[in-house]
Amino acid sequence: MDIFFLALLLALGVLALNGRQQRQRVALLASHLAQYQIEKLLENLIEGYMRALGESTPERRQQIWELLRTTELQLNEQFGQFTNDMAHVDAALTRVSTLPLALPFADQWWPSASFDLRRMLRVHAEGIERAVRNAAGRSARDKAYTLMAELFLMQHTCHWYCKSRTVASARMLARHQTAYADVLAAVDPATRSAYQALLPAAS
């Protein structure tokens, strides 16, 4: 009975610490995002892409692609500025544990199993910029798929930072009906290479 009671207290303590740390991380990220319209632009862009991809005529699709160009450029610019802002955050606050489940301060007691959010956001900023610029010369349709993948992966990283990898993957599957592995396979090869290089080998 005593062992059970101690185990229960330990579990409750872990949950409380986890909850506090996660609230602090959400608040930190939100305080920087509040200066921009990134989330709104992202939603508008994805909705527009889905509408364009559902159109039956090339002419109508082309009209929507052209209308979305301004949104693409605004999102790219604002995310770049956000990334620059986050680069000034204390490194101790931006470590992300790569363990499947959230454990309080795991990034501190096992730093080798973690990555720096600031560096990963830079990877995402460069990937978004490449997709918006369409450096690979993709068709409008393929460009849309690539940019959506870049944006989904960026969202996954933000949710991973705030919660855990498992929660981030579950959210992406529920919100976008897309698995983490599929998104990683769909981003630009340069993004995928830089992204994987920042993750510990065991991730």
C-alpha atoms as a PDB file:
ATOM      1  CA  MET A   1       0.000   0.000   0.000  1.00  0.00           C
ATOM      2  CA  ASP A   2       2.804   2.404   0.876  1.00  0.00           C
ATOM      3  CA  ILE A   3       4.556   1.675  -2.423  1.00  0.00           C
ATOM      4  CA  PHE A   4       1.334   2.295  -4.334  1.00  0.00           C
ATOM      5  CA  PHE A   5       0.799   5.577  -2.492  1.00  0.00           C
ATOM      6  CA  LEU A   6       4.358   6.720  -3.218  1.00  0.00           C
ATOM      7  CA  ALA A   7       4.004   5.757  -6.878  1.00  0.00           C
ATOM      8  CA  LEU A   8       0.765   7.738  -7.070  1.00  0.00           C
ATOM      9  CA  LEU A   9       2.400  10.784  -5.500  1.00  0.00           C
ATOM     10  CA  LEU A  10       5.327  10.485  -7.909  1.00  0.00           C
ATOM     11  CA  ALA A  11       2.980  10.262 -10.913  1.00  0.00           C
ATOM     12  CA  LEU A  12       1.001  13.273  -9.734  1.00  0.00           C
ATOM     13  CA  GLY A  13       4.222  15.204  -9.220  1.00  0.00           C
ATOM     14  CA  VAL A  14       5.417  14.395 -12.741  1.00  0.00           C
ATOM     15  CA  LEU A  15       2.064  15.469 -14.194  1.00  0.00           C
ATOM     16  CA  ALA A  16       2.156  18.736 -12.261  1.00  0.00           C
ATOM     17  CA  LEU A  17       5.711  19.537 -13.360  1.00  0.00           C
ATOM     18  CA  ASN A  18       4.906  18.590 -16.944  1.00  0.00           C
ATOM     19  CA  GLY A  19       1.853  20.807 -16.939  1.00  0.00           C
ATOM     20  CA  ARG A  20       3.772  23.769 -15.566  1.00  0.00           C
ATOM     21  CA  GLN A  21       6.625  23.415 -18.048  1.00  0.00           C
ATOM     22  CA  GLN A  22       4.237  22.999 -20.978  1.00  0.00           C
ATOM     23  CA  ARG A  23       2.268  26.101 -19.981  1.00  0.00           C
ATOM     24  CA  GLN A  24       5.497  28.080 -19.815  1.00  0.00           C
ATOM     25  CA  ARG A  25       6.491  26.894 -23.289  1.00  0.00           C
ATOM     26  CA  VAL A  26       3.095  27.673 -24.782  1.00  0.00           C
ATOM     27  CA  ALA A  27       3.246  31.148 -23.223  1.00  0.00           C
ATOM     28  CA  LEU A  28       6.749  31.787 -24.552  1.00  0.00           C
ATOM     29  CA  LEU A  29       5.874  30.758 -28.098  1.00  0.00           C
ATOM     30  CA  ALA A  30       2.557  32.609 -28.009  1.00  0.00           C
ATOM     31  CA  SER A  31       4.203  35.818 -26.808  1.00  0.00           C
ATOM     32  CA  HIS A  32       6.422  35.868 -29.898  1.00  0.00           C
ATOM     33  CA  LEU A  33       3.724  34.712 -32.338  1.00  0.00           C
ATOM     34  CA  ALA A  34       1.351  37.409 -31.066  1.00  0.00           C
ATOM     35  CA  GLN A  35       3.367  40.023 -32.959  1.00  0.00           C
ATOM     36  CA  TYR A  36       2.519  38.382 -36.282  1.00  0.00           C
ATOM     37  CA  GLN A  37      -0.392  36.944 -38.265  1.00  0.00           C
ATOM     38  CA  ILE A  38       1.393  33.690 -39.071  1.00  0.00           C
ATOM     39  CA  GLU A  39      -1.359  31.361 -37.905  1.00  0.00           C
ATOM     40  CA  LYS A  40      -4.072  33.265 -39.777  1.00  0.00           C
ATOM     41  CA  LEU A  41      -1.992  33.457 -42.954  1.00  0.00           C
ATOM     42  CA  LEU A  42      -1.187  29.757 -42.693  1.00  0.00           C
ATOM     43  CA  GLU A  43      -4.856  28.815 -42.365  1.00  0.00           C
ATOM     44  CA  ASN A  44      -5.868  31.084 -45.253  1.00  0.00           C
ATOM     45  CA  LEU A  45      -3.144  29.654 -47.462  1.00  0.00           C
ATOM     46  CA  ILE A  46      -3.976  26.023 -46.763  1.00  0.00           C
ATOM     47  CA  GLU A  47      -7.707  26.650 -47.292  1.00  0.00           C
ATOM     48  CA  GLY A  48      -6.917  28.409 -50.561  1.00  0.00           C
ATOM     49  CA  TYR A  49      -4.689  25.588 -51.736  1.00  0.00           C
ATOM     50  CA  MET A  50      -7.333  23.002 -50.964  1.00  0.00           C
ATOM     51  CA  ARG A  51      -9.890  25.069 -52.873  1.00  0.00           C
ATOM     52  CA  ALA A  52      -7.570  25.405 -55.869  1.00  0.00           C
ATOM     53  CA  LEU A  53      -6.721  21.710 -55.885  1.00  0.00           C
ATOM     54  CA  GLY A  54     -10.450  20.923 -55.894  1.00  0.00           C
ATOM     55  CA  GLU A  55     -11.204  23.081 -58.938  1.00  0.00           C
ATOM     56  CA  SER A  56     -12.012  21.221 -62.153  1.00  0.00           C
ATOM     57  CA  THR A  57     -10.760  23.806 -64.651  1.00  0.00           C
ATOM     58  CA  PRO A  58      -7.129  24.930 -65.120  1.00  0.00           C
ATOM     59  CA  GLU A  59      -8.252  28.539 -65.589  1.00  0.00           C
ATOM     60  CA  ARG A  60     -10.006  28.686 -62.223  1.00  0.00           C
ATOM     61  CA  ARG A  61      -7.095  26.976 -60.477  1.00  0.00           C
ATOM     62  CA  GLN A  62      -4.677  29.499 -61.992  1.00  0.00           C
ATOM     63  CA  GLN A  63      -6.776  32.400 -60.742  1.00  0.00           C
ATOM     64  CA  ILE A  64      -6.645  31.040 -57.199  1.00  0.00           C
ATOM     65  CA  TRP A  65      -2.876  30.387 -57.378  1.00  0.00           C
ATOM     66  CA  GLU A  66      -2.362  34.016 -58.387  1.00  0.00           C
ATOM     67  CA  LEU A  67      -4.611  35.333 -55.628  1.00  0.00           C
ATOM     68  CA  LEU A  68      -2.678  33.305 -53.044  1.00  0.00           C
ATOM     69  CA  ARG A  69       0.694  34.694 -54.091  1.00  0.00           C
ATOM     70  CA  THR A  70       0.419  37.686 -51.759  1.00  0.00           C
ATOM     71  CA  THR A  71      -0.455  35.400 -48.843  1.00  0.00           C
ATOM     72  CA  GLU A  72       2.570  33.204 -49.598  1.00  0.00           C
ATOM     73  CA  LEU A  73       4.917  36.196 -49.598  1.00  0.00           C
ATOM     74  CA  GLN A  74       3.446  37.635 -46.402  1.00  0.00           C
ATOM     75  CA  LEU A  75       3.698  34.313 -44.595  1.00  0.00           C
ATOM     76  CA  ASN A  76       7.272  33.821 -45.737  1.00  0.00           C
ATOM     77  CA  GLU A  77       8.288  37.294 -44.568  1.00  0.00           C
ATOM     78  CA  GLN A  78       6.555  37.087 -41.221  1.00  0.00           C
ATOM     79  CA  PHE A  79       7.856  33.617 -40.429  1.00  0.00           C
ATOM     80  CA  GLY A  80      11.382  34.792 -41.218  1.00  0.00           C
ATOM     81  CA  GLN A  81      10.967  37.703 -38.803  1.00  0.00           C
ATOM     82  CA  PHE A  82       9.521  35.392 -36.148  1.00  0.00           C
ATOM     83  CA  THR A  83      12.505  33.062 -36.557  1.00  0.00           C
ATOM     84  CA  ASN A  84      14.890  35.986 -36.109  1.00  0.00           C
ATOM     85  CA  ASP A  85      13.049  36.997 -32.921  1.00  0.00           C
ATOM     86  CA  MET A  86      13.217  33.476 -31.505  1.00  0.00           C
ATOM     87  CA  ALA A  87      16.962  33.367 -32.178  1.00  0.00           C
ATOM     88  CA  HIS A  88      17.413  35.792 -29.266  1.00  0.00           C
ATOM     89  CA  VAL A  89      15.601  33.579 -26.729  1.00  0.00           C
ATOM     90  CA  ASP A  90      17.768  32.005 -24.032  1.00  0.00           C
ATOM     91  CA  ALA A  91      19.101  28.637 -25.209  1.00  0.00           C
ATOM     92  CA  ALA A  92      18.071  27.044 -21.914  1.00  0.00           C
ATOM     93  CA  LEU A  93      14.428  27.705 -22.821  1.00  0.00           C
ATOM     94  CA  THR A  94      14.497  26.295 -26.336  1.00  0.00           C
ATOM     95  CA  ARG A  95      15.715  22.726 -25.886  1.00  0.00           C
ATOM     96  CA  VAL A  96      13.242  20.116 -27.142  1.00  0.00           C
ATOM     97  CA  SER A  97      13.316  16.561 -25.817  1.00  0.00           C
ATOM     98  CA  THR A  98      13.187  13.829 -28.454  1.00  0.00           C
ATOM     99  CA  LEU A  99      11.823  11.238 -26.035  1.00  0.00           C
ATOM    100  CA  PRO A 100       8.437   9.885 -27.213  1.00  0.00           C
ATOM    101  CA  LEU A 101       6.658  10.973 -24.028  1.00  0.00           C
ATOM    102  CA  ALA A 102       6.878  14.250 -22.153  1.00  0.00           C
ATOM    103  CA  LEU A 103       8.940  14.135 -18.971  1.00  0.00           C
ATOM    104  CA  PRO A 104       9.609  17.252 -16.900  1.00  0.00           C
ATOM    105  CA  PHE A 105      12.929  18.895 -17.754  1.00  0.00           C
ATOM    106  CA  ALA A 106      14.054  15.863 -19.785  1.00  0.00           C
ATOM    107  CA  ASP A 107      15.982  18.192 -22.074  1.00  0.00           C
ATOM    108  CA  GLN A 108      18.112  19.233 -19.095  1.00  0.00           C
ATOM    109  CA  TRP A 109      18.929  15.867 -17.583  1.00  0.00           C
ATOM    110  CA  TRP A 110      19.382  14.191 -21.000  1.00  0.00           C
ATOM    111  CA  PRO A 111      20.587  16.990 -23.317  1.00  0.00           C
ATOM    112  CA  SER A 112      21.955  14.550 -25.902  1.00  0.00           C
ATOM    113  CA  ALA A 113      18.348  13.473 -26.567  1.00  0.00           C
ATOM    114  CA  SER A 114      17.203  16.964 -27.500  1.00  0.00           C
ATOM    115  CA  PHE A 115      17.497  19.637 -30.181  1.00  0.00           C
ATOM    116  CA  ASP A 116      17.437  23.437 -30.256  1.00  0.00           C
ATOM    117  CA  LEU A 117      14.085  24.891 -31.336  1.00  0.00           C
ATOM    118  CA  ARG A 118      15.784  28.048 -32.603  1.00  0.00           C
ATOM    119  CA  ARG A 119      17.931  26.113 -35.076  1.00  0.00           C
ATOM    120  CA  MET A 120      14.974  23.993 -36.181  1.00  0.00           C
ATOM    121  CA  LEU A 121      12.856  27.082 -36.815  1.00  0.00           C
ATOM    122  CA  ARG A 122      15.643  28.345 -39.054  1.00  0.00           C
ATOM    123  CA  VAL A 123      15.436  25.089 -41.030  1.00  0.00           C
ATOM    124  CA  HIS A 124      11.690  25.614 -41.425  1.00  0.00           C
ATOM    125  CA  ALA A 125      12.132  29.270 -42.431  1.00  0.00           C
ATOM    126  CA  GLU A 126      14.584  28.285 -45.155  1.00  0.00           C
ATOM    127  CA  GLY A 127      12.294  25.489 -46.344  1.00  0.00           C
ATOM    128  CA  ILE A 128       9.276  27.784 -46.514  1.00  0.00           C
ATOM    129  CA  GLU A 129      11.322  30.394 -48.374  1.00  0.00           C
ATOM    130  CA  ARG A 130      12.504  27.810 -50.928  1.00  0.00           C
ATOM    131  CA  ALA A 131       8.963  26.571 -51.488  1.00  0.00           C
ATOM    132  CA  VAL A 132       7.528  30.082 -51.863  1.00  0.00           C
ATOM    133  CA  ARG A 133      10.337  31.084 -54.235  1.00  0.00           C
ATOM    134  CA  ASN A 134       9.814  27.743 -56.019  1.00  0.00           C
ATOM    135  CA  ALA A 135      13.535  27.297 -56.548  1.00  0.00           C
ATOM    136  CA  ALA A 136      12.949  23.763 -57.836  1.00  0.00           C
ATOM    137  CA  GLY A 137      10.627  24.998 -60.618  1.00  0.00           C
ATOM    138  CA  ARG A 138       7.692  22.815 -59.561  1.00  0.00           C
ATOM    139  CA  SER A 139       4.265  23.105 -61.113  1.00  0.00           C
ATOM    140  CA  ALA A 140       1.752  25.215 -59.163  1.00  0.00           C
ATOM    141  CA  ARG A 141       0.110  22.021 -57.901  1.00  0.00           C
ATOM    142  CA  ASP A 142       3.376  20.422 -56.772  1.00  0.00           C
ATOM    143  CA  LYS A 143       4.530  23.696 -55.244  1.00  0.00           C
ATOM    144  CA  ALA A 144       1.315  23.831 -53.183  1.00  0.00           C
ATOM    145  CA  TYR A 145       1.826  20.275 -51.918  1.00  0.00           C
ATOM    146  CA  THR A 146       5.450  20.996 -51.006  1.00  0.00           C
ATOM    147  CA  LEU A 147       4.656  24.240 -49.202  1.00  0.00           C
ATOM    148  CA  MET A 148       1.796  22.610 -47.292  1.00  0.00           C
ATOM    149  CA  ALA A 149       4.194  19.876 -46.184  1.00  0.00           C
ATOM    150  CA  GLU A 150       6.721  22.498 -45.077  1.00  0.00           C
ATOM    151  CA  LEU A 151       4.036  24.276 -43.063  1.00  0.00           C
ATOM    152  CA  PHE A 152       2.690  21.067 -41.511  1.00  0.00           C
ATOM    153  CA  LEU A 153       6.200  20.058 -40.442  1.00  0.00           C
ATOM    154  CA  MET A 154       6.778  23.501 -38.913  1.00  0.00           C
ATOM    155  CA  GLN A 155       3.526  23.188 -36.964  1.00  0.00           C
ATOM    156  CA  HIS A 156       4.615  19.735 -35.809  1.00  0.00           C
ATOM    157  CA  THR A 157       7.859  21.178 -34.425  1.00  0.00           C
ATOM    158  CA  CYS A 158       5.993  23.900 -32.516  1.00  0.00           C
ATOM    159  CA  HIS A 159       3.605  21.358 -30.994  1.00  0.00           C
ATOM    160  CA  TRP A 160       6.550  19.072 -30.218  1.00  0.00           C
ATOM    161  CA  TYR A 161       8.217  21.924 -28.322  1.00  0.00           C
ATOM    162  CA  CYS A 162       5.064  22.717 -26.356  1.00  0.00           C
ATOM    163  CA  LYS A 163       3.974  19.151 -25.626  1.00  0.00           C
ATOM    164  CA  SER A 164       5.810  16.108 -27.021  1.00  0.00           C
ATOM    165  CA  ARG A 165       6.587  14.360 -30.295  1.00  0.00           C
ATOM    166  CA  THR A 166       3.734  11.902 -29.744  1.00  0.00           C
ATOM    167  CA  VAL A 167       1.184  14.645 -29.111  1.00  0.00           C
ATOM    168  CA  ALA A 168       2.467  16.657 -32.095  1.00  0.00           C
ATOM    169  CA  SER A 169       2.098  13.679 -34.438  1.00  0.00           C
ATOM    170  CA  ALA A 170      -1.385  12.893 -33.112  1.00  0.00           C
ATOM    171  CA  ARG A 171      -2.472  16.509 -33.610  1.00  0.00           C
ATOM    172  CA  MET A 172      -1.207  16.572 -37.176  1.00  0.00           C
ATOM    173  CA  LEU A 173      -2.999  13.339 -38.001  1.00  0.00           C
ATOM    174  CA  ALA A 174      -6.244  14.592 -36.445  1.00  0.00           C
ATOM    175  CA  ARG A 175      -6.103  18.091 -37.954  1.00  0.00           C
ATOM    176  CA  HIS A 176      -4.697  17.380 -41.405  1.00  0.00           C
ATOM    177  CA  GLN A 177      -5.309  13.612 -41.809  1.00  0.00           C
ATOM    178  CA  THR A 178      -1.600  13.304 -42.534  1.00  0.00           C
ATOM    179  CA  ALA A 179       1.013  11.172 -40.799  1.00  0.00           C
ATOM    180  CA  TYR A 180       4.313  12.650 -39.619  1.00  0.00           C
ATOM    181  CA  ALA A 181       6.343  10.293 -41.820  1.00  0.00           C
ATOM    182  CA  ASP A 182       4.336  11.294 -44.898  1.00  0.00           C
ATOM    183  CA  VAL A 183       4.863  15.008 -44.242  1.00  0.00           C
ATOM    184  CA  LEU A 184       8.593  14.497 -43.736  1.00  0.00           C
ATOM    185  CA  ALA A 185       8.754  12.618 -47.042  1.00  0.00           C
ATOM    186  CA  ALA A 186       6.869  15.413 -48.859  1.00  0.00           C
ATOM    187  CA  VAL A 187       9.018  18.410 -47.885  1.00  0.00           C
ATOM    188  CA  ASP A 188      11.879  19.648 -50.035  1.00  0.00           C
ATOM    189  CA  PRO A 189      14.893  17.283 -49.851  1.00  0.00           C
ATOM    190  CA  ALA A 190      17.081  20.108 -48.500  1.00  0.00           C
ATOM    191  CA  THR A 191      14.606  20.675 -45.661  1.00  0.00           C
ATOM    192  CA  ARG A 192      14.436  16.985 -44.851  1.00  0.00           C
ATOM    193  CA  SER A 193      18.236  16.668 -44.785  1.00  0.00           C
ATOM    194  CA  ALA A 194      18.728  19.721 -42.546  1.00  0.00           C
ATOM    195  CA  TYR A 195      15.829  18.666 -40.290  1.00  0.00           C
ATOM    196  CA  GLN A 196      17.138  15.152 -39.750  1.00  0.00           C
ATOM    197  CA  ALA A 197      20.671  16.460 -39.161  1.00  0.00           C
ATOM    198  CA  LEU A 198      19.438  18.375 -36.105  1.00  0.00           C
ATOM    199  CA  LEU A 199      17.757  15.346 -34.549  1.00  0.00           C
ATOM    200  CA  PRO A 200      19.752  12.955 -32.338  1.00  0.00           C
ATOM    201  CA  ALA A 201      20.536   9.703 -34.093  1.00  0.00           C
ATOM    202  CA  ALA A 202      18.161   7.741 -31.866  1.00  0.00           C
ATOM    203  CA  SER A 203      15.099   9.871 -32.757  1.00  0.00           C
END
